[in-house]
Amino acid sequence: MSTLETKASVLVTGASSGIGAEIVREFSRNGYFVFLLGRNTEKLKKVQDSCAGPTEILAFDLKDLENYQTQILKLIETQEKFEVIVNCAGVFDRSAFADTDEHVWCEQFEVNLLSSVRLTRLVWPLFVKNKKGSILNISSTLGLKPVPGTSAYSAMKAAMINWTESLAQEGGALNIRANCICPGIIDTPIHDFHALEKSEKEKVLAGVSNLQLLSEIGKPHHVAKASYFLASDESPWTTGAILSVDGGINLK
């Protein structure tokens, strides 16, 4: 672990790829010590190698958080100014409601909502102790405006938005901020079109781009820039914000 002086430290979940990985890089570029939390050690190390500053890897499944709580707290407490948590881990499901069994609903609840709640409950006392904290939840535009075939996913993302606002209300007097970003369609491995043949993938991407007012699919860095602004001291007087970073798709 590096001893270089940093602004503060941040814990990012879902840090091994996509939006989470880019958020890690953005905070690192801006002088933060970053804890990368994800399931795949090899992928986390690749992200770590691309960072500009000091980092620490936490490789485990958030569903097993209870077994890692002591380890997390010990590592976090090695950093004098632990100030930010970014809840970005999630899984996507697309299926008709009639075809969505209880297992899917339970998985969506545990991964997309409950794991973030558990982790935030773990670090909340540290924010209270430090008299400063910032929580950023990565939801989805589907939490604001669902589409057919996403009932379980959309429901959990809507709950995350509402939970963010509750955190903002309870945290305000404690100098703990809570904000939420709702990304639109972002070009990450979570989407099935990455498995298509090149020509077919290009057709799908063109169709997706046409859904946006800005006529292009989103990139992870679009969300990462907004994430850094909301979660860092760049926006010290912002809490309870729900920011759509979606190319205007919800207005089209």
Protein backbone atom coordinates (compact mmCIF):
# COMPACT_ATOMS: atom_id res chain seq x y z
CA MET A 1 0.00 0.00 0.00
CA SER A 2 1.39 3.37 -1.02
CA THR A 3 2.02 6.06 1.58
CA LEU A 4 1.70 8.93 -0.93
CA GLU A 5 -0.42 11.79 0.36
CA THR A 6 -3.93 11.75 -1.10
CA LYS A 7 -6.99 14.00 -0.89
CA ALA A 8 -9.11 11.31 0.74
CA SER A 9 -10.12 7.70 0.15
CA VAL A 10 -13.07 6.22 -1.73
CA LEU A 11 -14.54 2.72 -1.89
CA VAL A 12 -15.99 1.71 -5.27
CA THR A 13 -18.01 -1.48 -5.77
CA GLY A 14 -18.38 -3.17 -9.14
CA ALA A 15 -14.84 -1.93 -9.76
CA SER A 16 -13.61 -4.69 -12.06
CA SER A 17 -15.19 -3.47 -15.32
CA GLY A 18 -17.49 -1.04 -17.08
CA ILE A 19 -18.74 2.02 -15.22
CA GLY A 20 -17.22 0.97 -11.90
CA ALA A 21 -13.74 0.60 -13.37
CA GLU A 22 -13.91 4.01 -15.01
CA ILE A 23 -15.12 5.61 -11.76
CA VAL A 24 -12.07 4.09 -10.04
CA ARG A 25 -9.76 5.64 -12.66
CA GLU A 26 -11.48 9.03 -12.41
CA PHE A 27 -11.06 9.24 -8.65
CA SER A 28 -7.49 8.01 -8.92
CA ARG A 29 -6.67 10.68 -11.52
CA ASN A 30 -7.99 13.27 -9.12
CA GLY A 31 -5.76 12.29 -6.22
CA TYR A 32 -7.92 9.88 -4.22
CA PHE A 33 -6.80 6.64 -2.62
CA VAL A 34 -9.19 4.07 -4.12
CA PHE A 35 -10.43 0.78 -2.69
CA LEU A 36 -11.53 -1.46 -5.56
CA LEU A 37 -14.23 -3.93 -4.56
CA GLY A 38 -15.26 -6.72 -6.93
CA ARG A 39 -15.40 -10.48 -7.35
CA ASN A 40 -12.69 -11.09 -9.96
CA THR A 41 -9.13 -10.57 -8.69
CA GLU A 42 -7.55 -10.74 -12.14
CA LYS A 43 -9.87 -8.07 -13.56
CA LEU A 44 -9.41 -5.89 -10.48
CA LYS A 45 -5.63 -6.05 -10.89
CA LYS A 46 -5.91 -4.88 -14.50
CA VAL A 47 -7.95 -1.90 -13.38
CA GLN A 48 -5.50 -1.28 -10.54
CA ASP A 49 -2.61 -1.23 -13.02
CA SER A 50 -4.36 1.47 -15.03
CA CYS A 51 -4.73 3.81 -12.03
CA ALA A 52 -2.68 6.95 -11.57
CA GLY A 53 -2.35 6.70 -7.79
CA PRO A 54 -2.42 4.35 -4.80
CA THR A 55 -5.12 1.68 -4.57
CA GLU A 56 -6.12 -1.40 -2.60
CA ILE A 57 -8.04 -4.42 -3.91
CA LEU A 58 -10.93 -6.05 -2.03
CA ALA A 59 -11.80 -9.21 -3.95
CA PHE A 60 -14.98 -10.96 -2.82
CA ASP A 61 -18.68 -11.28 -3.60
CA LEU A 62 -20.76 -8.65 -1.81
CA LYS A 63 -23.24 -11.40 -0.95
CA ASP A 64 -20.50 -12.65 1.41
CA LEU A 65 -20.00 -9.25 3.04
CA GLU A 66 -20.56 -10.59 6.57
CA ASN A 67 -17.36 -12.65 6.28
CA TYR A 68 -15.29 -9.62 5.20
CA GLN A 69 -16.57 -6.82 7.42
CA THR A 70 -13.61 -6.84 9.82
CA GLN A 71 -11.11 -6.86 6.93
CA ILE A 72 -12.83 -3.94 5.20
CA LEU A 73 -12.99 -1.80 8.32
CA LYS A 74 -9.32 -2.44 9.16
CA LEU A 75 -8.21 -1.45 5.66
CA ILE A 76 -10.42 1.62 5.50
CA GLU A 77 -9.23 2.82 8.89
CA THR A 78 -5.64 2.83 7.61
CA GLN A 79 -6.67 5.87 5.56
CA GLU A 80 -7.10 9.02 7.64
CA LYS A 81 -9.81 10.53 5.45
CA PHE A 82 -12.27 7.89 4.31
CA GLU A 83 -14.98 10.08 2.82
CA VAL A 84 -16.71 8.44 -0.16
CA ILE A 85 -18.51 5.24 -1.10
CA VAL A 86 -19.76 4.54 -4.63
CA ASN A 87 -22.31 1.72 -4.87
CA CYS A 88 -21.94 0.59 -8.48
CA ALA A 89 -22.13 -3.22 -8.35
CA GLY A 90 -25.15 -4.69 -10.09
CA VAL A 91 -26.56 -7.31 -12.43
CA PHE A 92 -29.03 -6.82 -15.27
CA ASP A 93 -31.98 -9.05 -16.13
CA ARG A 94 -34.26 -8.78 -19.14
CA SER A 95 -37.27 -11.07 -19.10
CA ALA A 96 -41.03 -10.79 -19.26
CA PHE A 97 -42.74 -10.62 -15.88
CA ALA A 98 -44.54 -13.91 -16.53
CA ASP A 99 -41.17 -15.59 -17.12
CA THR A 100 -39.44 -14.03 -14.11
CA ASP A 101 -39.38 -16.48 -11.22
CA GLU A 102 -38.74 -15.75 -7.56
CA HIS A 103 -35.04 -16.58 -7.91
CA VAL A 104 -34.57 -13.68 -10.35
CA TRP A 105 -36.38 -11.27 -8.04
CA CYS A 106 -34.32 -12.38 -5.05
CA GLU A 107 -31.05 -12.04 -6.98
CA GLN A 108 -31.99 -8.59 -8.26
CA PHE A 109 -32.92 -7.50 -4.74
CA GLU A 110 -29.79 -8.87 -3.10
CA VAL A 111 -27.24 -7.69 -5.68
CA ASN A 112 -28.78 -4.44 -6.90
CA LEU A 113 -30.08 -3.09 -3.60
CA LEU A 114 -29.46 -5.06 -0.41
CA SER A 115 -25.69 -5.44 -0.93
CA SER A 116 -25.38 -1.65 -1.23
CA VAL A 117 -27.51 -1.17 1.87
CA ARG A 118 -25.36 -3.59 3.87
CA LEU A 119 -22.10 -1.99 2.82
CA THR A 120 -23.36 1.52 3.46
CA ARG A 121 -24.59 0.49 6.92
CA LEU A 122 -21.08 -0.81 7.59
CA VAL A 123 -19.30 2.45 6.74
CA TRP A 124 -21.97 4.87 8.01
CA PRO A 125 -20.52 4.95 11.57
CA LEU A 126 -17.14 5.96 10.11
CA PHE A 127 -18.75 8.88 8.30
CA VAL A 128 -20.48 9.89 11.52
CA LYS A 129 -17.19 9.64 13.42
CA ASN A 130 -15.32 11.66 10.78
CA LYS A 131 -18.18 14.19 10.59
CA LYS A 132 -18.09 13.91 6.82
CA GLY A 133 -19.22 11.42 4.21
CA SER A 134 -20.49 11.09 0.66
CA ILE A 135 -22.59 8.24 -0.72
CA LEU A 136 -23.14 7.87 -4.44
CA ASN A 137 -25.56 5.25 -5.72
CA ILE A 138 -25.51 4.20 -9.36
CA SER A 139 -29.10 3.48 -10.32
CA SER A 140 -30.51 3.55 -13.88
CA THR A 141 -32.90 5.50 -16.06
CA LEU A 142 -34.98 2.31 -15.89
CA GLY A 143 -35.55 3.19 -12.24
CA LEU A 144 -37.25 6.36 -13.46
CA LYS A 145 -38.95 5.05 -16.59
CA PRO A 146 -39.12 1.25 -16.94
CA VAL A 147 -39.56 -0.55 -20.24
CA PRO A 148 -41.15 -3.96 -20.89
CA GLY A 149 -39.08 -6.93 -19.80
CA THR A 150 -37.22 -5.21 -16.97
CA SER A 151 -39.69 -5.35 -14.08
CA ALA A 152 -37.34 -6.80 -11.45
CA TYR A 153 -34.32 -4.73 -12.43
CA SER A 154 -36.32 -1.52 -12.76
CA ALA A 155 -38.04 -2.04 -9.42
CA MET A 156 -34.72 -2.39 -7.58
CA LYS A 157 -33.23 0.64 -9.32
CA ALA A 158 -36.32 2.67 -8.41
CA ALA A 159 -35.89 1.57 -4.81
CA MET A 160 -32.26 2.70 -4.90
CA ILE A 161 -33.37 6.17 -5.99
CA ASN A 162 -35.86 6.41 -3.13
CA TRP A 163 -33.30 5.06 -0.66
CA THR A 164 -30.82 7.73 -1.79
CA GLU A 165 -33.30 10.45 -0.94
CA SER A 166 -33.89 8.92 2.49
CA LEU A 167 -30.15 8.82 3.14
CA ALA A 168 -29.87 12.48 2.17
CA GLN A 169 -32.60 13.40 4.63
CA GLU A 170 -31.07 11.47 7.52
CA GLY A 171 -27.48 12.34 6.72
CA GLY A 172 -27.80 16.07 6.23
CA ALA A 173 -27.45 17.04 9.88
CA LEU A 174 -24.44 14.72 10.14
CA ASN A 175 -22.64 16.26 7.14
CA ILE A 176 -23.21 13.06 5.15
CA ARG A 177 -24.32 13.62 1.57
CA ALA A 178 -26.15 11.10 -0.63
CA ASN A 179 -26.68 11.42 -4.37
CA CYS A 180 -27.68 9.17 -7.22
CA ILE A 181 -26.81 8.86 -10.90
CA CYS A 182 -29.17 7.21 -13.40
CA PRO A 183 -27.15 6.11 -16.44
CA GLY A 184 -28.89 5.38 -19.72
CA ILE A 185 -27.58 2.79 -22.18
CA ILE A 186 -23.82 2.64 -21.59
CA ASP A 187 -21.44 0.60 -23.74
CA THR A 188 -20.29 -1.95 -21.13
CA PRO A 189 -19.97 -5.77 -20.95
CA ILE A 190 -23.36 -5.99 -19.21
CA HIS A 191 -25.09 -5.81 -22.61
CA ASP A 192 -25.72 -8.86 -24.79
CA PHE A 193 -24.72 -7.13 -28.04
CA HIS A 194 -21.05 -7.59 -27.17
CA ALA A 195 -21.45 -11.29 -27.94
CA LEU A 196 -22.74 -10.65 -31.48
CA GLU A 197 -20.78 -10.87 -34.71
CA LYS A 198 -19.13 -7.58 -35.66
CA SER A 199 -21.58 -6.64 -38.43
CA GLU A 200 -24.62 -7.49 -36.33
CA LYS A 201 -23.19 -5.66 -33.33
CA GLU A 202 -22.69 -2.53 -35.42
CA LYS A 203 -26.34 -2.64 -36.50
CA VAL A 204 -27.51 -2.96 -32.92
CA LEU A 205 -25.25 -0.11 -31.77
CA ALA A 206 -26.55 2.10 -34.57
CA GLY A 207 -30.13 1.38 -33.49
CA VAL A 208 -29.32 2.09 -29.86
CA SER A 209 -27.58 5.34 -30.78
CA ASN A 210 -30.68 6.51 -32.62
CA LEU A 211 -32.68 6.21 -29.39
CA GLN A 212 -30.68 9.05 -27.83
CA LEU A 213 -31.29 12.77 -28.32
CA LEU A 214 -27.51 13.09 -28.61
CA SER A 215 -27.39 10.29 -31.23
CA GLU A 216 -24.70 8.17 -29.60
CA ILE A 217 -24.47 5.41 -27.03
CA GLY A 218 -23.02 6.39 -23.68
CA LYS A 219 -19.48 5.55 -22.59
CA PRO A 220 -18.32 4.69 -19.05
CA HIS A 221 -16.32 7.92 -18.79
CA HIS A 222 -19.52 9.95 -19.23
CA VAL A 223 -20.85 8.46 -16.00
CA ALA A 224 -17.46 8.57 -14.27
CA LYS A 225 -17.07 12.32 -14.77
CA ALA A 226 -20.54 12.95 -13.32
CA SER A 227 -19.85 10.52 -10.48
CA TYR A 228 -16.70 12.32 -9.44
CA PHE A 229 -18.48 15.67 -9.48
CA LEU A 230 -21.37 14.51 -7.29
CA ALA A 231 -19.40 12.36 -4.85
CA SER A 232 -16.34 14.55 -4.34
CA ASP A 233 -15.88 17.99 -2.83
CA GLU A 234 -16.60 19.45 -6.26
CA SER A 235 -20.25 19.57 -5.13
CA PRO A 236 -20.16 20.10 -1.35
CA TRP A 237 -23.65 21.66 -1.26
CA THR A 238 -25.41 18.92 -3.24
CA THR A 239 -27.36 16.13 -1.61
CA GLY A 240 -30.46 14.19 -2.59
CA ALA A 241 -29.73 14.83 -6.29
CA ILE A 242 -30.94 12.33 -8.88
CA LEU A 243 -28.92 12.96 -12.04
CA SER A 244 -29.73 11.30 -15.36
CA VAL A 245 -26.69 10.72 -17.57
CA ASP A 246 -28.50 9.16 -20.50
CA GLY A 247 -27.99 11.07 -23.73
CA GLY A 248 -31.57 12.30 -23.41
CA ILE A 249 -33.15 8.88 -23.97
CA ASN A 250 -35.93 9.47 -21.44
CA LEU A 251 -37.09 12.57 -23.32
CA LYS A 252 -37.27 10.94 -26.72
